[in-house]
């Protein structure tokens, strides 16, 4: 990421239509040592929805998101365990 505020505006504008793409909830994390380093955890019901979002993200990163991010990466992961203490 280059600048958190520029990225956050783009994220809040939601150019990939998170809700319409199947995102059920998301979490945004920010490094305490580098405020411009951000992680996002998007939760989906199906792997197919996650794969569709990944395609949209690649398009975004190659286009308008390119100016607000540096080296964006994504992986589709499966939750193995979720515990609340």
N, C-alpha and C. Protein backbone atom coordinates (compact mmCIF):
# COMPACT_ATOMS: atom_id res chain seq x y z
N UNK A 1 0.83 -1.17 0.00
CA UNK A 1 0.00 0.00 0.00
C UNK A 1 0.88 1.24 0.00
N UNK A 2 0.40 2.28 -0.63
CA UNK A 2 1.16 3.51 -0.72
C UNK A 2 0.69 4.51 0.33
N UNK A 3 -0.61 4.72 0.48
CA UNK A 3 -1.15 5.69 1.41
C UNK A 3 -2.48 5.16 1.95
N UNK A 4 -2.56 5.01 3.27
CA UNK A 4 -3.76 4.43 3.86
C UNK A 4 -5.02 5.22 3.52
N UNK A 5 -4.97 6.52 3.64
CA UNK A 5 -6.17 7.33 3.39
C UNK A 5 -6.67 7.20 1.96
N UNK A 6 -5.76 7.18 0.99
CA UNK A 6 -6.16 7.01 -0.42
C UNK A 6 -6.74 5.62 -0.63
N UNK A 7 -6.09 4.61 -0.04
CA UNK A 7 -6.61 3.25 -0.16
C UNK A 7 -7.97 3.12 0.50
N UNK A 8 -8.12 3.70 1.70
CA UNK A 8 -9.38 3.57 2.44
C UNK A 8 -10.55 4.19 1.69
N UNK A 9 -10.31 5.31 1.03
CA UNK A 9 -11.36 5.92 0.23
C UNK A 9 -11.78 4.98 -0.89
N UNK A 10 -10.81 4.40 -1.58
CA UNK A 10 -11.10 3.45 -2.64
C UNK A 10 -11.85 2.23 -2.09
N UNK A 11 -11.41 1.73 -0.96
CA UNK A 11 -12.06 0.58 -0.33
C UNK A 11 -13.50 0.92 0.04
N UNK A 12 -13.72 2.07 0.66
CA UNK A 12 -15.06 2.48 1.07
C UNK A 12 -15.99 2.73 -0.12
N UNK A 13 -15.43 3.15 -1.25
CA UNK A 13 -16.23 3.34 -2.47
C UNK A 13 -16.70 1.99 -3.03
N UNK A 14 -16.08 0.90 -2.61
CA UNK A 14 -16.47 -0.47 -2.93
C UNK A 14 -16.59 -0.75 -4.43
N UNK A 15 -15.51 -0.56 -5.18
CA UNK A 15 -15.58 -0.77 -6.64
C UNK A 15 -15.81 -2.22 -7.07
N UNK A 16 -15.68 -3.18 -6.14
CA UNK A 16 -15.90 -4.59 -6.50
C UNK A 16 -17.23 -5.12 -5.97
N UNK A 17 -18.06 -4.25 -5.39
CA UNK A 17 -19.39 -4.63 -4.90
C UNK A 17 -19.29 -5.83 -3.96
N UNK A 18 -18.70 -5.59 -2.78
CA UNK A 18 -18.49 -6.69 -1.82
C UNK A 18 -19.78 -7.45 -1.52
N UNK A 19 -20.83 -6.74 -1.14
CA UNK A 19 -22.07 -7.43 -0.78
C UNK A 19 -22.64 -8.22 -1.96
N UNK A 20 -22.67 -7.60 -3.13
CA UNK A 20 -23.17 -8.27 -4.32
C UNK A 20 -22.29 -9.42 -4.78
N UNK A 21 -21.05 -9.44 -4.31
CA UNK A 21 -20.10 -10.50 -4.67
C UNK A 21 -20.09 -11.63 -3.65
N UNK A 22 -20.94 -11.54 -2.64
CA UNK A 22 -21.05 -12.63 -1.68
C UNK A 22 -20.30 -12.45 -0.38
N UNK A 23 -19.69 -11.28 -0.16
CA UNK A 23 -18.98 -11.06 1.10
C UNK A 23 -20.01 -10.98 2.22
N UNK A 24 -19.83 -11.82 3.23
CA UNK A 24 -20.74 -11.82 4.38
C UNK A 24 -20.27 -10.87 5.47
N UNK A 25 -18.98 -10.79 5.66
CA UNK A 25 -18.39 -9.86 6.61
C UNK A 25 -16.92 -9.69 6.25
N UNK A 26 -16.33 -8.63 6.74
CA UNK A 26 -14.91 -8.43 6.49
C UNK A 26 -14.26 -7.76 7.70
N UNK A 27 -12.95 -7.94 7.80
CA UNK A 27 -12.15 -7.35 8.86
C UNK A 27 -10.98 -6.63 8.18
N UNK A 28 -10.72 -5.42 8.60
CA UNK A 28 -9.57 -4.67 8.10
C UNK A 28 -8.58 -4.54 9.25
N UNK A 29 -7.34 -4.93 9.00
CA UNK A 29 -6.28 -4.80 10.00
C UNK A 29 -5.19 -3.88 9.48
N UNK A 30 -4.53 -3.22 10.40
CA UNK A 30 -3.49 -2.26 10.04
C UNK A 30 -2.29 -2.49 10.95
N UNK A 31 -1.10 -2.54 10.37
CA UNK A 31 0.12 -2.76 11.14
C UNK A 31 0.38 -1.60 12.11
N UNK A 32 0.75 -1.93 13.33
CA UNK A 32 1.08 -0.88 14.30
C UNK A 32 2.46 -0.27 14.01
N UNK A 33 3.27 -0.96 13.22
CA UNK A 33 4.60 -0.46 12.89
C UNK A 33 4.65 0.24 11.54
N UNK A 34 3.73 -0.08 10.66
CA UNK A 34 3.66 0.55 9.35
C UNK A 34 2.18 0.80 9.03
N UNK A 35 1.67 1.99 9.33
CA UNK A 35 0.24 2.26 9.16
C UNK A 35 -0.26 2.16 7.72
N UNK A 36 0.64 2.06 6.76
CA UNK A 36 0.24 1.88 5.37
C UNK A 36 0.19 0.41 4.96
N UNK A 37 0.49 -0.50 5.88
CA UNK A 37 0.38 -1.93 5.61
C UNK A 37 -0.96 -2.41 6.17
N UNK A 38 -1.81 -2.92 5.27
CA UNK A 38 -3.17 -3.29 5.64
C UNK A 38 -3.45 -4.72 5.23
N UNK A 39 -4.21 -5.43 6.05
CA UNK A 39 -4.71 -6.75 5.69
C UNK A 39 -6.24 -6.70 5.72
N UNK A 40 -6.84 -7.47 4.84
CA UNK A 40 -8.29 -7.55 4.77
C UNK A 40 -8.67 -9.03 4.75
N UNK A 41 -9.62 -9.39 5.58
CA UNK A 41 -10.13 -10.75 5.63
C UNK A 41 -11.59 -10.68 5.19
N UNK A 42 -11.88 -11.22 4.02
CA UNK A 42 -13.25 -11.26 3.50
C UNK A 42 -13.81 -12.65 3.73
N UNK A 43 -15.04 -12.74 4.24
CA UNK A 43 -15.66 -14.03 4.49
C UNK A 43 -16.79 -14.27 3.49
N UNK A 44 -16.79 -15.47 2.91
CA UNK A 44 -17.77 -15.89 1.91
C UNK A 44 -18.43 -17.18 2.35
N UNK A 45 -19.58 -17.49 1.76
CA UNK A 45 -20.25 -18.77 2.01
C UNK A 45 -19.63 -19.89 1.18
N UNK A 46 -19.13 -19.55 -0.03
CA UNK A 46 -18.63 -20.58 -0.93
C UNK A 46 -17.27 -20.20 -1.50
N UNK A 47 -16.55 -21.22 -1.90
CA UNK A 47 -15.27 -21.01 -2.57
C UNK A 47 -15.49 -20.30 -3.91
N UNK A 48 -16.59 -20.62 -4.59
CA UNK A 48 -16.88 -20.01 -5.89
C UNK A 48 -17.04 -18.49 -5.76
N UNK A 49 -17.70 -18.05 -4.69
CA UNK A 49 -17.83 -16.60 -4.47
C UNK A 49 -16.47 -15.97 -4.23
N UNK A 50 -15.63 -16.63 -3.45
CA UNK A 50 -14.29 -16.12 -3.18
C UNK A 50 -13.47 -16.06 -4.47
N UNK A 51 -13.58 -17.06 -5.31
CA UNK A 51 -12.84 -17.06 -6.58
C UNK A 51 -13.33 -15.94 -7.50
N UNK A 52 -14.64 -15.68 -7.50
CA UNK A 52 -15.17 -14.58 -8.29
C UNK A 52 -14.64 -13.24 -7.81
N UNK A 53 -14.55 -13.08 -6.49
CA UNK A 53 -14.00 -11.84 -5.94
C UNK A 53 -12.53 -11.70 -6.29
N UNK A 54 -11.80 -12.79 -6.24
CA UNK A 54 -10.37 -12.74 -6.58
C UNK A 54 -10.17 -12.24 -8.01
N UNK A 55 -11.01 -12.67 -8.92
CA UNK A 55 -10.93 -12.17 -10.30
C UNK A 55 -11.18 -10.66 -10.35
N UNK A 56 -12.19 -10.20 -9.61
CA UNK A 56 -12.49 -8.76 -9.57
C UNK A 56 -11.32 -7.99 -8.97
N UNK A 57 -10.70 -8.54 -7.94
CA UNK A 57 -9.56 -7.86 -7.32
C UNK A 57 -8.38 -7.73 -8.27
N UNK A 58 -8.10 -8.78 -9.03
CA UNK A 58 -6.99 -8.71 -10.00
C UNK A 58 -7.25 -7.60 -11.02
N UNK A 59 -8.49 -7.48 -11.46
CA UNK A 59 -8.84 -6.41 -12.40
C UNK A 59 -8.67 -5.04 -11.75
N UNK A 60 -9.14 -4.90 -10.52
CA UNK A 60 -9.01 -3.64 -9.79
C UNK A 60 -7.54 -3.27 -9.60
N UNK A 61 -6.73 -4.24 -9.20
CA UNK A 61 -5.32 -3.98 -8.94
C UNK A 61 -4.56 -3.58 -10.20
N UNK A 62 -4.99 -4.07 -11.34
CA UNK A 62 -4.34 -3.72 -12.60
C UNK A 62 -4.81 -2.37 -13.12
N UNK A 63 -5.95 -1.88 -12.60
CA UNK A 63 -6.53 -0.63 -13.07
C UNK A 63 -6.50 0.46 -12.02
N UNK A 64 -7.67 0.92 -11.56
CA UNK A 64 -7.72 2.07 -10.66
C UNK A 64 -7.06 1.85 -9.30
N UNK A 65 -6.98 0.62 -8.83
CA UNK A 65 -6.36 0.36 -7.54
C UNK A 65 -4.85 0.42 -7.57
N UNK A 66 -4.29 0.39 -8.76
CA UNK A 66 -2.82 0.37 -8.91
C UNK A 66 -2.15 1.58 -8.27
N UNK A 67 -2.80 2.74 -8.35
CA UNK A 67 -2.21 3.96 -7.81
C UNK A 67 -2.24 4.00 -6.28
N UNK A 68 -3.15 3.23 -5.65
CA UNK A 68 -3.31 3.30 -4.20
C UNK A 68 -2.67 2.13 -3.47
N UNK A 69 -2.10 1.17 -4.20
CA UNK A 69 -1.54 -0.03 -3.55
C UNK A 69 -0.18 -0.39 -4.12
N UNK A 70 0.60 -1.05 -3.29
CA UNK A 70 1.89 -1.57 -3.72
C UNK A 70 1.92 -3.05 -3.39
N UNK A 71 2.13 -3.87 -4.39
CA UNK A 71 2.27 -5.32 -4.24
C UNK A 71 1.08 -5.98 -3.54
N UNK A 72 -0.16 -5.73 -4.02
CA UNK A 72 -1.31 -6.39 -3.40
C UNK A 72 -1.29 -7.89 -3.70
N UNK A 73 -1.69 -8.68 -2.71
CA UNK A 73 -1.73 -10.13 -2.86
C UNK A 73 -2.98 -10.68 -2.19
N UNK A 74 -3.45 -11.81 -2.66
CA UNK A 74 -4.61 -12.45 -2.06
C UNK A 74 -4.48 -13.96 -2.15
N UNK A 75 -5.07 -14.63 -1.18
CA UNK A 75 -5.15 -16.08 -1.18
C UNK A 75 -6.54 -16.46 -0.69
N UNK A 76 -7.05 -17.54 -1.21
CA UNK A 76 -8.30 -18.09 -0.72
C UNK A 76 -7.94 -19.16 0.30
N UNK A 77 -8.44 -18.97 1.51
CA UNK A 77 -8.14 -19.92 2.58
C UNK A 77 -9.45 -20.48 3.15
N UNK A 78 -9.34 -21.64 3.72
CA UNK A 78 -10.50 -22.27 4.36
C UNK A 78 -10.31 -22.17 5.87
N UNK A 79 -11.34 -21.73 6.57
CA UNK A 79 -11.28 -21.68 8.02
C UNK A 79 -11.31 -23.10 8.57
N UNK A 80 -10.32 -23.43 9.34
CA UNK A 80 -10.21 -24.75 9.93
C UNK A 80 -10.80 -24.72 11.35
N UNK A 81 -10.61 -23.59 12.01
CA UNK A 81 -11.11 -23.46 13.38
C UNK A 81 -11.33 -21.99 13.68
N UNK A 82 -12.41 -21.70 14.37
CA UNK A 82 -12.71 -20.33 14.80
C UNK A 82 -13.16 -20.42 16.26
N UNK A 83 -12.37 -19.85 17.15
CA UNK A 83 -12.63 -19.96 18.59
C UNK A 83 -12.74 -18.57 19.18
N UNK A 84 -13.75 -18.35 19.98
CA UNK A 84 -13.87 -17.11 20.73
C UNK A 84 -13.61 -17.42 22.19
N UNK A 85 -12.67 -16.70 22.78
CA UNK A 85 -12.33 -16.92 24.20
C UNK A 85 -12.81 -15.78 25.06
